[in-house]
Amino acid sequence: MMLSVEQFLTLGAILFCIGLFGALTKRNIIIVLVSVELMLTAVNINLLTFARYGLTPSINGQIFTLFVMTIAAAEVAVGLAILIALYRNRNTSDVRDQDLMKW
């Protein structure tokens, strides 16, 4: 059974909406980071879908997907480092409490 373009794009849209909802409404920094990763995964699904089923199928979508995965890995490393530093200084991971730049 072959999946259609619409099914892949629908899956990507649903994942992106779930990630956007989590990034905008949750208070825990870890949940926000996971939501951003979910949105990047949705983008990767769309890139691979258009690379496979586009007007001119090519490897460009796969190359962009690798770049997005690399950026996502760097984002996680930097985000967790910032989270650890903020938690050590403030003893909380609540997004609302992280509004001051001064430590």
Protein backbone atom coordinates (compact mmCIF):
# COMPACT_ATOMS: atom_id res chain seq x y z
CA MET A 1 0.00 0.00 0.00
CA MET A 2 1.45 3.31 -1.10
CA LEU A 3 0.81 6.45 0.91
CA SER A 4 -0.25 9.55 -1.00
CA VAL A 5 1.17 13.05 -0.89
CA GLU A 6 -1.89 14.31 0.95
CA GLN A 7 -1.38 11.81 3.76
CA PHE A 8 2.24 12.86 4.27
CA LEU A 9 1.37 16.56 4.17
CA THR A 10 -1.52 16.04 6.58
CA LEU A 11 0.78 14.22 8.99
CA GLY A 12 3.31 17.05 8.73
CA ALA A 13 0.63 19.68 9.32
CA ILE A 14 -0.77 17.84 12.34
CA LEU A 15 2.68 17.40 13.89
CA PHE A 16 3.52 21.05 13.26
CA CYS A 17 0.27 22.23 14.88
CA ILE A 18 0.84 20.02 17.93
CA GLY A 19 4.38 21.35 18.26
CA LEU A 20 3.24 24.96 17.84
CA PHE A 21 0.55 24.49 20.48
CA GLY A 22 3.08 23.01 22.90
CA ALA A 23 5.65 25.74 22.26
CA LEU A 24 3.14 28.54 22.80
CA THR A 25 1.17 27.20 25.76
CA LYS A 26 3.44 25.12 27.97
CA ARG A 27 5.45 26.56 30.86
CA ASN A 28 8.19 23.96 31.21
CA ILE A 29 11.31 24.72 29.16
CA ILE A 30 11.89 21.03 28.38
CA ILE A 31 8.38 20.68 26.93
CA VAL A 32 8.96 23.80 24.82
CA LEU A 33 12.22 22.32 23.46
CA VAL A 34 10.46 19.03 22.64
CA SER A 35 7.70 20.99 20.89
CA VAL A 36 10.24 22.83 18.75
CA GLU A 37 11.80 19.48 17.83
CA LEU A 38 8.35 18.20 16.86
CA MET A 39 7.89 21.19 14.55
CA LEU A 40 11.30 20.53 12.95
CA THR A 41 10.30 16.89 12.41
CA ALA A 42 7.14 18.06 10.65
CA VAL A 43 9.26 20.26 8.39
CA ASN A 44 11.49 17.28 7.61
CA ILE A 45 8.47 15.17 6.64
CA ASN A 46 7.30 17.90 4.27
CA LEU A 47 10.78 18.33 2.76
CA LEU A 48 11.08 14.60 2.11
CA THR A 49 7.56 14.46 0.70
CA PHE A 50 8.28 17.19 -1.82
CA ALA A 51 11.65 15.64 -2.65
CA ARG A 52 9.92 12.35 -3.46
CA TYR A 53 6.62 13.46 -4.99
CA GLY A 54 7.45 16.93 -6.31
CA LEU A 55 7.30 18.04 -9.94
CA THR A 56 10.96 17.16 -10.37
CA PRO A 57 11.93 14.53 -7.79
CA SER A 58 15.48 15.14 -6.62
CA ILE A 59 17.82 14.73 -3.69
CA ASN A 60 17.60 18.40 -2.66
CA GLY A 61 14.88 17.76 -0.08
CA GLN A 62 16.98 15.04 1.52
CA ILE A 63 19.98 17.37 1.70
CA PHE A 64 17.88 20.09 3.33
CA THR A 65 16.54 17.49 5.77
CA LEU A 66 20.10 16.65 6.82
CA PHE A 67 20.78 20.35 7.40
CA VAL A 68 17.61 20.70 9.48
CA MET A 69 18.58 17.65 11.55
CA THR A 70 22.03 19.13 12.16
CA ILE A 71 20.55 22.45 13.23
CA ALA A 72 18.07 20.62 15.49
CA ALA A 73 20.89 18.72 17.19
CA ALA A 74 22.80 21.96 17.79
CA GLU A 75 19.62 23.62 19.08
CA VAL A 76 19.09 20.83 21.59
CA ALA A 77 22.67 21.04 22.84
CA VAL A 78 22.53 24.82 23.29
CA GLY A 79 19.01 24.74 24.73
CA LEU A 80 19.88 22.13 27.33
CA ALA A 81 23.05 23.99 28.29
CA ILE A 82 21.02 27.17 28.82
CA LEU A 83 18.39 25.21 30.75
CA ILE A 84 21.00 23.73 33.10
CA ALA A 85 22.56 27.15 33.70
CA LEU A 86 19.19 28.76 34.41
CA TYR A 87 18.09 25.93 36.68
CA ARG A 88 21.29 26.16 38.72
CA ASN A 89 20.77 29.88 39.28
CA ARG A 90 16.98 30.06 39.70
CA ASN A 91 16.01 26.51 40.78
CA THR A 92 13.07 26.41 38.36
CA SER A 93 12.40 25.43 34.77
CA ASP A 94 9.25 27.53 34.41
CA VAL A 95 9.32 29.73 31.32
CA ARG A 96 7.52 32.59 33.08
CA ASP A 97 10.29 32.88 35.69
CA GLN A 98 13.01 33.19 33.06
CA ASP A 99 12.22 36.72 31.95
CA LEU A 100 15.21 38.55 33.39
CA MET A 101 18.53 38.79 31.58
CA LYS A 102 20.33 39.80 34.78
CA TRP A 103 21.44 36.93 37.02
